[in-house]
Amino acid sequence: MADERTFFERAQSRSRGYHGRDATAGELAKDFAGQDIHTRVMALEELAAEQGDITSAREAARHLTMTRALRDTHSRLLRIQK
């Protein structure tokens, strides 16, 4: 059975399981930084693909905030070659 949830829905579900609440963009970016480069690239590609499925302004704003935090983290890690 395929998981139909988006990247952020899966991340927030894990956060609620671990911490009892949704993660902030900064917390997601911190966890994201611990991933290897291939995992980060796959996650960013998945986020780009999900962009067409956004149905509300609130969801779009949330997606943009989270995506920007992950992209910025990835760019910084690339600059230091990690």
PDB file of N, CA and C in Angstrom:
ATOM      1  N   MET A   1       0.841  -1.179   0.000  1.00  0.00           N
ATOM      2  CA  MET A   1       0.000   0.000   0.000  1.00  0.00           C
ATOM      3  C   MET A   1       0.888   1.244   0.000  1.00  0.00           C
ATOM      4  N   ALA A   2       0.675   2.104  -0.976  1.00  0.00           N
ATOM      5  CA  ALA A   2       1.495   3.300  -1.124  1.00  0.00           C
ATOM      6  C   ALA A   2       1.056   4.379  -0.134  1.00  0.00           C
ATOM      7  N   ASP A   3       2.019   5.120   0.349  1.00  0.00           N
ATOM      8  CA  ASP A   3       1.753   6.232   1.255  1.00  0.00           C
ATOM      9  C   ASP A   3       1.390   7.447   0.409  1.00  0.00           C
ATOM     10  N   GLU A   4       0.172   7.930   0.509  1.00  0.00           N
ATOM     11  CA  GLU A   4      -0.319   9.038  -0.314  1.00  0.00           C
ATOM     12  C   GLU A   4      -0.051  10.408   0.307  1.00  0.00           C
ATOM     13  N   ARG A   5       0.563  10.445   1.477  1.00  0.00           N
ATOM     14  CA  ARG A   5       0.814  11.724   2.141  1.00  0.00           C
ATOM     15  C   ARG A   5       1.952  12.469   1.455  1.00  0.00           C
ATOM     16  N   THR A   6       1.947  13.786   1.608  1.00  0.00           N
ATOM     17  CA  THR A   6       3.021  14.606   1.051  1.00  0.00           C
ATOM     18  C   THR A   6       4.261  14.501   1.942  1.00  0.00           C
ATOM     19  N   PHE A   7       5.350  15.036   1.455  1.00  0.00           N
ATOM     20  CA  PHE A   7       6.604  15.049   2.210  1.00  0.00           C
ATOM     21  C   PHE A   7       6.394  15.690   3.581  1.00  0.00           C
ATOM     22  N   PHE A   8       5.733  16.853   3.610  1.00  0.00           N
ATOM     23  CA  PHE A   8       5.534  17.558   4.877  1.00  0.00           C
ATOM     24  C   PHE A   8       4.567  16.825   5.794  1.00  0.00           C
ATOM     25  N   GLU A   9       3.543  16.209   5.235  1.00  0.00           N
ATOM     26  CA  GLU A   9       2.615  15.443   6.069  1.00  0.00           C
ATOM     27  C   GLU A   9       3.332  14.282   6.743  1.00  0.00           C
ATOM     28  N   ARG A  10       4.211  13.617   6.017  1.00  0.00           N
ATOM     29  CA  ARG A  10       4.989  12.523   6.623  1.00  0.00           C
ATOM     30  C   ARG A  10       5.942  13.059   7.687  1.00  0.00           C
ATOM     31  N   ALA A  11       6.596  14.188   7.395  1.00  0.00           N
ATOM     32  CA  ALA A  11       7.533  14.786   8.363  1.00  0.00           C
ATOM     33  C   ALA A  11       6.800  15.226   9.624  1.00  0.00           C
ATOM     34  N   GLN A  12       5.642  15.842   9.464  1.00  0.00           N
ATOM     35  CA  GLN A  12       4.881  16.303  10.626  1.00  0.00           C
ATOM     36  C   GLN A  12       4.340  15.124  11.426  1.00  0.00           C
ATOM     37  N   SER A  13       3.962  14.059  10.752  1.00  0.00           N
ATOM     38  CA  SER A  13       3.496  12.864  11.445  1.00  0.00           C
ATOM     39  C   SER A  13       4.611  12.279  12.309  1.00  0.00           C
ATOM     40  N   ARG A  14       5.827  12.226  11.760  1.00  0.00           N
ATOM     41  CA  ARG A  14       6.976  11.742  12.549  1.00  0.00           C
ATOM     42  C   ARG A  14       7.230  12.658  13.732  1.00  0.00           C
ATOM     43  N   SER A  15       7.139  13.975  13.506  1.00  0.00           N
ATOM     44  CA  SER A  15       7.377  14.935  14.580  1.00  0.00           C
ATOM     45  C   SER A  15       6.345  14.777  15.698  1.00  0.00           C
ATOM     46  N   ARG A  16       5.073  14.604  15.326  1.00  0.00           N
ATOM     47  CA  ARG A  16       4.044  14.402  16.353  1.00  0.00           C
ATOM     48  C   ARG A  16       4.305  13.123  17.135  1.00  0.00           C
ATOM     49  N   GLY A  17       4.815  12.095  16.457  1.00  0.00           N
ATOM     50  CA  GLY A  17       5.139  10.846  17.140  1.00  0.00           C
ATOM     51  C   GLY A  17       6.298  11.002  18.110  1.00  0.00           C
ATOM     52  N   TYR A  18       7.327  11.764  17.704  1.00  0.00           N
ATOM     53  CA  TYR A  18       8.517  11.936  18.542  1.00  0.00           C
ATOM     54  C   TYR A  18       8.324  12.988  19.627  1.00  0.00           C
ATOM     55  N   HIS A  19       7.719  14.144  19.241  1.00  0.00           N
ATOM     56  CA  HIS A  19       7.677  15.297  20.137  1.00  0.00           C
ATOM     57  C   HIS A  19       6.279  15.681  20.605  1.00  0.00           C
ATOM     58  N   GLY A  20       5.244  15.071  20.022  1.00  0.00           N
ATOM     59  CA  GLY A  20       3.882  15.401  20.400  1.00  0.00           C
ATOM     60  C   GLY A  20       3.356  16.679  19.769  1.00  0.00           C
ATOM     61  N   ARG A  21       4.056  17.227  18.777  1.00  0.00           N
ATOM     62  CA  ARG A  21       3.620  18.454  18.102  1.00  0.00           C
ATOM     63  C   ARG A  21       4.240  18.509  16.713  1.00  0.00           C
ATOM     64  N   ASP A  22       3.720  19.423  15.885  1.00  0.00           N
ATOM     65  CA  ASP A  22       4.286  19.618  14.546  1.00  0.00           C
ATOM     66  C   ASP A  22       5.637  20.317  14.657  1.00  0.00           C
ATOM     67  N   ALA A  23       6.515  19.988  13.748  1.00  0.00           N
ATOM     68  CA  ALA A  23       7.839  20.612  13.716  1.00  0.00           C
ATOM     69  C   ALA A  23       7.768  21.972  13.035  1.00  0.00           C
ATOM     70  N   THR A  24       8.633  22.877  13.433  1.00  0.00           N
ATOM     71  CA  THR A  24       8.754  24.166  12.749  1.00  0.00           C
ATOM     72  C   THR A  24       9.628  23.982  11.515  1.00  0.00           C
ATOM     73  N   ALA A  25       9.666  24.997  10.670  1.00  0.00           N
ATOM     74  CA  ALA A  25      10.506  24.945   9.473  1.00  0.00           C
ATOM     75  C   ALA A  25      11.973  24.769   9.879  1.00  0.00           C
ATOM     76  N   GLY A  26      12.402  25.450  10.926  1.00  0.00           N
ATOM     77  CA  GLY A  26      13.783  25.335  11.391  1.00  0.00           C
ATOM     78  C   GLY A  26      14.123  23.943  11.893  1.00  0.00           C
ATOM     79  N   GLU A  27      13.185  23.329  12.593  1.00  0.00           N
ATOM     80  CA  GLU A  27      13.412  21.972  13.094  1.00  0.00           C
ATOM     81  C   GLU A  27      13.490  20.971  11.940  1.00  0.00           C
ATOM     82  N   LEU A  28      12.622  21.146  10.943  1.00  0.00           N
ATOM     83  CA  LEU A  28      12.693  20.264   9.775  1.00  0.00           C
ATOM     84  C   LEU A  28      14.023  20.446   9.047  1.00  0.00           C
ATOM     85  N   ALA A  29      14.462  21.702   8.917  1.00  0.00           N
ATOM     86  CA  ALA A  29      15.725  21.976   8.229  1.00  0.00           C
ATOM     87  C   ALA A  29      16.903  21.364   8.989  1.00  0.00           C
ATOM     88  N   LYS A  30      16.848  21.403  10.310  1.00  0.00           N
ATOM     89  CA  LYS A  30      17.926  20.813  11.111  1.00  0.00           C
ATOM     90  C   LYS A  30      17.996  19.303  10.899  1.00  0.00           C
ATOM     91  N   ASP A  31      16.855  18.637  10.892  1.00  0.00           N
ATOM     92  CA  ASP A  31      16.824  17.200  10.618  1.00  0.00           C
ATOM     93  C   ASP A  31      17.272  16.910   9.184  1.00  0.00           C
ATOM     94  N   PHE A  32      16.847  17.758   8.269  1.00  0.00           N
ATOM     95  CA  PHE A  32      17.192  17.630   6.855  1.00  0.00           C
ATOM     96  C   PHE A  32      18.713  17.717   6.665  1.00  0.00           C
ATOM     97  N   ALA A  33      19.359  18.580   7.426  1.00  0.00           N
ATOM     98  CA  ALA A  33      20.810  18.761   7.321  1.00  0.00           C
ATOM     99  C   ALA A  33      21.572  17.497   7.680  1.00  0.00           C
ATOM    100  N   GLY A  34      20.986  16.646   8.479  1.00  0.00           N
ATOM    101  CA  GLY A  34      21.647  15.410   8.877  1.00  0.00           C
ATOM    102  C   GLY A  34      21.589  14.316   7.819  1.00  0.00           C
ATOM    103  N   GLN A  35      20.849  14.550   6.751  1.00  0.00           N
ATOM    104  CA  GLN A  35      20.720  13.555   5.687  1.00  0.00           C
ATOM    105  C   GLN A  35      21.896  13.661   4.708  1.00  0.00           C
ATOM    106  N   ASP A  36      22.146  12.575   3.978  1.00  0.00           N
ATOM    107  CA  ASP A  36      23.203  12.629   2.963  1.00  0.00           C
ATOM    108  C   ASP A  36      22.694  13.397   1.748  1.00  0.00           C
ATOM    109  N   ILE A  37      23.594  13.769   0.861  1.00  0.00           N
ATOM    110  CA  ILE A  37      23.255  14.623  -0.278  1.00  0.00           C
ATOM    111  C   ILE A  37      22.203  13.986  -1.182  1.00  0.00           C
ATOM    112  N   HIS A  38      22.258  12.704  -1.389  1.00  0.00           N
ATOM    113  CA  HIS A  38      21.298  12.036  -2.272  1.00  0.00           C
ATOM    114  C   HIS A  38      19.884  12.084  -1.694  1.00  0.00           C
ATOM    115  N   THR A  39      19.765  11.884  -0.405  1.00  0.00           N
ATOM    116  CA  THR A  39      18.467  11.941   0.263  1.00  0.00           C
ATOM    117  C   THR A  39      17.905  13.355   0.208  1.00  0.00           C
ATOM    118  N   ARG A  40      18.769  14.356   0.407  1.00  0.00           N
ATOM    119  CA  ARG A  40      18.320  15.746   0.345  1.00  0.00           C
ATOM    120  C   ARG A  40      17.833  16.106  -1.052  1.00  0.00           C
ATOM    121  N   VAL A  41      18.565  15.698  -2.077  1.00  0.00           N
ATOM    122  CA  VAL A  41      18.165  16.002  -3.449  1.00  0.00           C
ATOM    123  C   VAL A  41      16.832  15.332  -3.774  1.00  0.00           C
ATOM    124  N   MET A  42      16.675  14.084  -3.379  1.00  0.00           N
ATOM    125  CA  MET A  42      15.407  13.388  -3.627  1.00  0.00           C
ATOM    126  C   MET A  42      14.249  14.089  -2.921  1.00  0.00           C
ATOM    127  N   ALA A  43      14.467  14.547  -1.709  1.00  0.00           N
ATOM    128  CA  ALA A  43      13.417  15.248  -0.967  1.00  0.00           C
ATOM    129  C   ALA A  43      13.055  16.561  -1.658  1.00  0.00           C
ATOM    130  N   LEU A  44      14.055  17.307  -2.123  1.00  0.00           N
ATOM    131  CA  LEU A  44      13.780  18.569  -2.814  1.00  0.00           C
ATOM    132  C   LEU A  44      13.037  18.333  -4.124  1.00  0.00           C
ATOM    133  N   GLU A  45      13.370  17.263  -4.831  1.00  0.00           N
ATOM    134  CA  GLU A  45      12.658  16.931  -6.066  1.00  0.00           C
ATOM    135  C   GLU A  45      11.211  16.549  -5.764  1.00  0.00           C
ATOM    136  N   GLU A  46      11.011  15.815  -4.675  1.00  0.00           N
ATOM    137  CA  GLU A  46       9.657  15.438  -4.272  1.00  0.00           C
ATOM    138  C   GLU A  46       8.829  16.682  -3.931  1.00  0.00           C
ATOM    139  N   LEU A  47       9.450  17.627  -3.247  1.00  0.00           N
ATOM    140  CA  LEU A  47       8.758  18.870  -2.906  1.00  0.00           C
ATOM    141  C   LEU A  47       8.358  19.644  -4.156  1.00  0.00           C
ATOM    142  N   ALA A  48       9.236  19.704  -5.121  1.00  0.00           N
ATOM    143  CA  ALA A  48       8.937  20.411  -6.372  1.00  0.00           C
ATOM    144  C   ALA A  48       7.767  19.748  -7.092  1.00  0.00           C
ATOM    145  N   ALA A  49       7.719  18.429  -7.075  1.00  0.00           N
ATOM    146  CA  ALA A  49       6.635  17.703  -7.732  1.00  0.00           C
ATOM    147  C   ALA A  49       5.304  17.920  -7.023  1.00  0.00           C
ATOM    148  N   GLU A  50       5.327  18.099  -5.723  1.00  0.00           N
ATOM    149  CA  GLU A  50       4.098  18.282  -4.935  1.00  0.00           C
ATOM    150  C   GLU A  50       3.508  19.671  -5.096  1.00  0.00           C
ATOM    151  N   GLN A  51       4.255  20.597  -5.626  1.00  0.00           N
ATOM    152  CA  GLN A  51       3.819  21.980  -5.711  1.00  0.00           C
ATOM    153  C   GLN A  51       2.515  22.131  -6.493  1.00  0.00           C
ATOM    154  N   GLY A  52       2.285  21.295  -7.487  1.00  0.00           N
ATOM    155  CA  GLY A  52       1.069  21.384  -8.279  1.00  0.00           C
ATOM    156  C   GLY A  52      -0.175  20.905  -7.562  1.00  0.00           C
ATOM    157  N   ASP A  53      -0.018  20.226  -6.435  1.00  0.00           N
ATOM    158  CA  ASP A  53      -1.152  19.669  -5.695  1.00  0.00           C
ATOM    159  C   ASP A  53      -1.687  20.609  -4.618  1.00  0.00           C
ATOM    160  N   ILE A  54      -1.142  21.794  -4.499  1.00  0.00           N
ATOM    161  CA  ILE A  54      -1.533  22.734  -3.450  1.00  0.00           C
ATOM    162  C   ILE A  54      -2.892  23.341  -3.798  1.00  0.00           C
ATOM    163  N   THR A  55      -3.798  23.346  -2.828  1.00  0.00           N
ATOM    164  CA  THR A  55      -5.166  23.786  -3.101  1.00  0.00           C
ATOM    165  C   THR A  55      -5.596  25.052  -2.367  1.00  0.00           C
ATOM    166  N   SER A  56      -4.811  25.534  -1.413  1.00  0.00           N
ATOM    167  CA  SER A  56      -5.218  26.740  -0.680  1.00  0.00           C
ATOM    168  C   SER A  56      -4.025  27.667  -0.476  1.00  0.00           C
ATOM    169  N   ALA A  57      -4.330  28.925  -0.210  1.00  0.00           N
ATOM    170  CA  ALA A  57      -3.272  29.916   0.020  1.00  0.00           C
ATOM    171  C   ALA A  57      -2.486  29.582   1.286  1.00  0.00           C
ATOM    172  N   ARG A  58      -3.174  29.108   2.309  1.00  0.00           N
ATOM    173  CA  ARG A  58      -2.505  28.747   3.565  1.00  0.00           C
ATOM    174  C   ARG A  58      -1.517  27.599   3.338  1.00  0.00           C
ATOM    175  N   GLU A  59      -1.970  26.608   2.599  1.00  0.00           N
ATOM    176  CA  GLU A  59      -1.116  25.465   2.291  1.00  0.00           C
ATOM    177  C   GLU A  59       0.078  25.890   1.421  1.00  0.00           C
ATOM    178  N   ALA A  60      -0.157  26.804   0.481  1.00  0.00           N
ATOM    179  CA  ALA A  60       0.916  27.304  -0.377  1.00  0.00           C
ATOM    180  C   ALA A  60       1.966  28.055   0.438  1.00  0.00           C
ATOM    181  N   ALA A  61       1.513  28.884   1.366  1.00  0.00           N
ATOM    182  CA  ALA A  61       2.439  29.637   2.215  1.00  0.00           C
ATOM    183  C   ALA A  61       3.270  28.698   3.082  1.00  0.00           C
ATOM    184  N   ARG A  62       2.625  27.708   3.650  1.00  0.00           N
ATOM    185  CA  ARG A  62       3.325  26.728   4.496  1.00  0.00           C
ATOM    186  C   ARG A  62       4.347  25.946   3.673  1.00  0.00           C
ATOM    187  N   HIS A  63       3.939  25.539   2.478  1.00  0.00           N
ATOM    188  CA  HIS A  63       4.830  24.787   1.598  1.00  0.00           C
ATOM    189  C   HIS A  63       6.041  25.640   1.221  1.00  0.00           C
ATOM    190  N   LEU A  64       5.807  26.912   0.893  1.00  0.00           N
ATOM    191  CA  LEU A  64       6.901  27.810   0.524  1.00  0.00           C
ATOM    192  C   LEU A  64       7.876  28.009   1.681  1.00  0.00           C
ATOM    193  N   THR A  65       7.354  28.213   2.878  1.00  0.00           N
ATOM    194  CA  THR A  65       8.209  28.416   4.055  1.00  0.00           C
ATOM    195  C   THR A  65       9.085  27.193   4.319  1.00  0.00           C
ATOM    196  N   MET A  66       8.473  26.036   4.295  1.00  0.00           N
ATOM    197  CA  MET A  66       9.224  24.807   4.557  1.00  0.00           C
ATOM    198  C   MET A  66      10.222  24.517   3.436  1.00  0.00           C
ATOM    199  N   THR A  67       9.794  24.684   2.199  1.00  0.00           N
ATOM    200  CA  THR A  67      10.673  24.421   1.065  1.00  0.00           C
ATOM    201  C   THR A  67      11.876  25.363   1.079  1.00  0.00           C
ATOM    202  N   ARG A  68      11.616  26.629   1.362  1.00  0.00           N
ATOM    203  CA  ARG A  68      12.705  27.612   1.410  1.00  0.00           C
ATOM    204  C   ARG A  68      13.721  27.247   2.490  1.00  0.00           C
ATOM    205  N   ALA A  69      13.255  26.818   3.646  1.00  0.00           N
ATOM    206  CA  ALA A  69      14.159  26.428   4.737  1.00  0.00           C
ATOM    207  C   ALA A  69      15.025  25.236   4.318  1.00  0.00           C
ATOM    208  N   LEU A  70      14.422  24.255   3.648  1.00  0.00           N
ATOM    209  CA  LEU A  70      15.185  23.076   3.222  1.00  0.00           C
ATOM    210  C   LEU A  70      16.155  23.419   2.103  1.00  0.00           C
ATOM    211  N   ARG A  71      15.714  24.243   1.143  1.00  0.00           N
ATOM    212  CA  ARG A  71      16.607  24.639   0.051  1.00  0.00           C
ATOM    213  C   ARG A  71      17.800  25.441   0.568  1.00  0.00           C
ATOM    214  N   ASP A  72      17.541  26.370   1.484  1.00  0.00           N
ATOM    215  CA  ASP A  72      18.628  27.172   2.057  1.00  0.00           C
ATOM    216  C   ASP A  72      19.624  26.282   2.791  1.00  0.00           C
ATOM    217  N   THR A  73      19.127  25.327   3.543  1.00  0.00           N
ATOM    218  CA  THR A  73      19.999  24.394   4.262  1.00  0.00           C
ATOM    219  C   THR A  73      20.842  23.589   3.280  1.00  0.00           C
ATOM    220  N   HIS A  74      20.201  23.086   2.242  1.00  0.00           N
ATOM    221  CA  HIS A  74      20.916  22.293   1.229  1.00  0.00           C
ATOM    222  C   HIS A  74      21.997  23.140   0.552  1.00  0.00           C
ATOM    223  N   SER A  75      21.670  24.373   0.202  1.00  0.00           N
ATOM    224  CA  SER A  75      22.647  25.257  -0.453  1.00  0.00           C
ATOM    225  C   SER A  75      23.849  25.521   0.449  1.00  0.00           C
ATOM    226  N   ARG A  76      23.580  25.776   1.736  1.00  0.00           N
ATOM    227  CA  ARG A  76      24.699  26.006   2.664  1.00  0.00           C
ATOM    228  C   ARG A  76      25.587  24.782   2.789  1.00  0.00           C
ATOM    229  N   LEU A  77      24.970  23.614   2.847  1.00  0.00           N
ATOM    230  CA  LEU A  77      25.755  22.375   2.956  1.00  0.00           C
ATOM    231  C   LEU A  77      26.574  22.128   1.683  1.00  0.00           C
ATOM    232  N   LEU A  78      26.027  22.470   0.538  1.00  0.00           N
ATOM    233  CA  LEU A  78      26.784  22.322  -0.712  1.00  0.00           C
ATOM    234  C   LEU A  78      27.996  23.245  -0.728  1.00  0.00           C
ATOM    235  N   ARG A  79      27.804  24.467  -0.211  1.00  0.00           N
ATOM    236  CA  ARG A  79      28.927  25.428  -0.185  1.00  0.00           C
ATOM    237  C   ARG A  79      30.078  24.934   0.683  1.00  0.00           C
ATOM    238  N   ILE A  80      29.771  24.212   1.750  1.00  0.00           N
ATOM    239  CA  ILE A  80      30.847  23.690   2.597  1.00  0.00           C
ATOM    240  C   ILE A  80      31.197  22.256   2.217  1.00  0.00           C
ATOM    241  N   GLN A  81      30.576  21.785   1.124  1.00  0.00           N
ATOM    242  CA  GLN A  81      30.833  20.465   0.543  1.00  0.00           C
ATOM    243  C   GLN A  81      30.588  19.338   1.518  1.00  0.00           C
ATOM    244  N   LYS A  82      29.399  19.354   2.091  1.00  0.00           N
ATOM    245  CA  LYS A  82      29.039  18.286   3.020  1.00  0.00           C
ATOM    246  C   LYS A  82      27.891  17.501   2.477  1.00  0.00           C
TER     247      LYS A  82
END
